[in-house]
Amino acid sequence: MTCSEETTLPELKPTFVQQISDVDSFRMGNEEIRQDIINALIADSIEHWENEDGSIGFYKKDTDRVDAIGFFAIGAYAARQ
């Protein structure tokens, strides 16, 4: 039995399927704080999106980082007031 260079296997690429249980969301009524949070999410390269109901969605794996951004933004807003 011999092998030839013509016999190759197709390249397999991993496929990730996100479950609805893998995502979370929050609402921020204050537009200034909301924009500060969105700017920080972008700066930290945290994947997020706006849901149809106006809430901001994100993956649960990023919850600690999103929470920290939210607490910081709320604290910074309170300090400015």
C-alpha atoms as a PDB file:
ATOM      1  CA  MET A   1       0.000   0.000   0.000  1.00  0.00           C
ATOM      2  CA  THR A   2       1.357   3.407  -0.908  1.00  0.00           C
ATOM      3  CA  CYS A   3       0.377   6.999  -0.349  1.00  0.00           C
ATOM      4  CA  SER A   4       0.514   9.731  -2.917  1.00  0.00           C
ATOM      5  CA  GLU A   5       0.759  13.461  -2.452  1.00  0.00           C
ATOM      6  CA  GLU A   6      -2.541  13.779  -4.282  1.00  0.00           C
ATOM      7  CA  THR A   7      -4.380  12.213  -1.338  1.00  0.00           C
ATOM      8  CA  THR A   8      -5.043  14.980   1.107  1.00  0.00           C
ATOM      9  CA  LEU A   9      -7.552  15.385   3.844  1.00  0.00           C
ATOM     10  CA  PRO A  10      -9.752  18.473   3.897  1.00  0.00           C
ATOM     11  CA  GLU A  11      -8.741  21.091   6.413  1.00  0.00           C
ATOM     12  CA  LEU A  12     -11.043  20.965   9.404  1.00  0.00           C
ATOM     13  CA  LYS A  13     -11.963  24.238  11.024  1.00  0.00           C
ATOM     14  CA  PRO A  14     -13.549  24.365  14.456  1.00  0.00           C
ATOM     15  CA  THR A  15     -17.128  25.521  14.531  1.00  0.00           C
ATOM     16  CA  PHE A  16     -18.442  27.367  17.552  1.00  0.00           C
ATOM     17  CA  VAL A  17     -22.151  27.577  18.114  1.00  0.00           C
ATOM     18  CA  GLN A  18     -23.342  30.163  20.586  1.00  0.00           C
ATOM     19  CA  GLN A  19     -26.269  29.129  22.732  1.00  0.00           C
ATOM     20  CA  ILE A  20     -28.884  31.614  23.866  1.00  0.00           C
ATOM     21  CA  SER A  21     -27.789  30.721  27.411  1.00  0.00           C
ATOM     22  CA  ASP A  22     -24.282  32.015  26.585  1.00  0.00           C
ATOM     23  CA  VAL A  23     -25.480  35.617  26.351  1.00  0.00           C
ATOM     24  CA  ASP A  24     -26.682  38.215  28.810  1.00  0.00           C
ATOM     25  CA  SER A  25     -27.803  41.814  28.575  1.00  0.00           C
ATOM     26  CA  PHE A  26     -28.368  44.965  30.590  1.00  0.00           C
ATOM     27  CA  ARG A  27     -30.262  48.212  30.254  1.00  0.00           C
ATOM     28  CA  MET A  28     -28.852  51.630  31.008  1.00  0.00           C
ATOM     29  CA  GLY A  29     -31.378  54.452  31.018  1.00  0.00           C
ATOM     30  CA  ASN A  30     -28.861  57.251  31.478  1.00  0.00           C
ATOM     31  CA  GLU A  31     -27.550  58.071  27.985  1.00  0.00           C
ATOM     32  CA  GLU A  32     -24.254  59.545  29.258  1.00  0.00           C
ATOM     33  CA  ILE A  33     -23.410  56.444  31.299  1.00  0.00           C
ATOM     34  CA  ARG A  34     -24.614  54.197  28.462  1.00  0.00           C
ATOM     35  CA  GLN A  35     -22.266  55.882  25.992  1.00  0.00           C
ATOM     36  CA  ASP A  36     -19.355  55.678  28.455  1.00  0.00           C
ATOM     37  CA  ILE A  37     -20.012  51.937  28.833  1.00  0.00           C
ATOM     38  CA  ILE A  38     -20.219  51.383  25.067  1.00  0.00           C
ATOM     39  CA  ASN A  39     -16.985  53.335  24.525  1.00  0.00           C
ATOM     40  CA  ALA A  40     -15.235  51.196  27.156  1.00  0.00           C
ATOM     41  CA  LEU A  41     -16.593  47.960  25.648  1.00  0.00           C
ATOM     42  CA  ILE A  42     -15.199  49.007  22.283  1.00  0.00           C
ATOM     43  CA  ALA A  43     -11.852  50.074  23.782  1.00  0.00           C
ATOM     44  CA  ASP A  44     -11.547  46.719  25.588  1.00  0.00           C
ATOM     45  CA  SER A  45     -12.590  44.756  22.462  1.00  0.00           C
ATOM     46  CA  ILE A  46     -15.549  43.193  24.247  1.00  0.00           C
ATOM     47  CA  GLU A  47     -18.068  41.884  21.747  1.00  0.00           C
ATOM     48  CA  HIS A  48     -21.459  43.459  22.321  1.00  0.00           C
ATOM     49  CA  TRP A  49     -24.582  44.457  20.428  1.00  0.00           C
ATOM     50  CA  GLU A  50     -27.796  46.379  20.851  1.00  0.00           C
ATOM     51  CA  ASN A  51     -30.890  44.207  21.173  1.00  0.00           C
ATOM     52  CA  GLU A  52     -34.252  45.113  19.647  1.00  0.00           C
ATOM     53  CA  ASP A  53     -35.500  46.185  23.083  1.00  0.00           C
ATOM     54  CA  GLY A  54     -32.627  48.678  23.439  1.00  0.00           C
ATOM     55  CA  SER A  55     -30.649  46.610  25.934  1.00  0.00           C
ATOM     56  CA  ILE A  56     -26.944  45.919  25.378  1.00  0.00           C
ATOM     57  CA  GLY A  57     -26.114  42.266  24.849  1.00  0.00           C
ATOM     58  CA  PHE A  58     -22.802  40.520  25.520  1.00  0.00           C
ATOM     59  CA  TYR A  59     -21.393  37.038  26.044  1.00  0.00           C
ATOM     60  CA  LYS A  60     -21.519  35.696  29.611  1.00  0.00           C
ATOM     61  CA  LYS A  61     -17.820  34.846  29.461  1.00  0.00           C
ATOM     62  CA  ASP A  62     -17.200  38.616  29.640  1.00  0.00           C
ATOM     63  CA  THR A  63     -19.527  39.280  32.602  1.00  0.00           C
ATOM     64  CA  ASP A  64     -16.764  40.234  35.074  1.00  0.00           C
ATOM     65  CA  ARG A  65     -15.248  42.713  32.614  1.00  0.00           C
ATOM     66  CA  VAL A  66     -18.647  44.189  31.673  1.00  0.00           C
ATOM     67  CA  ASP A  67     -19.559  44.547  35.372  1.00  0.00           C
ATOM     68  CA  ALA A  68     -16.274  46.328  36.096  1.00  0.00           C
ATOM     69  CA  ILE A  69     -16.846  48.721  33.190  1.00  0.00           C
ATOM     70  CA  GLY A  70     -20.396  49.422  34.371  1.00  0.00           C
ATOM     71  CA  PHE A  71     -19.365  50.100  37.969  1.00  0.00           C
ATOM     72  CA  PHE A  72     -16.567  52.381  36.810  1.00  0.00           C
ATOM     73  CA  ALA A  73     -18.849  54.311  34.440  1.00  0.00           C
ATOM     74  CA  ILE A  74     -21.513  54.782  37.119  1.00  0.00           C
ATOM     75  CA  GLY A  75     -18.885  55.881  39.657  1.00  0.00           C
ATOM     76  CA  ALA A  76     -17.319  58.327  37.213  1.00  0.00           C
ATOM     77  CA  TYR A  77     -20.739  59.798  36.426  1.00  0.00           C
ATOM     78  CA  ALA A  78     -21.549  60.191  40.136  1.00  0.00           C
ATOM     79  CA  ALA A  79     -18.207  61.895  40.732  1.00  0.00           C
ATOM     80  CA  ARG A  80     -18.960  64.419  37.966  1.00  0.00           C
ATOM     81  CA  GLN A  81     -22.324  65.309  39.506  1.00  0.00           C
END
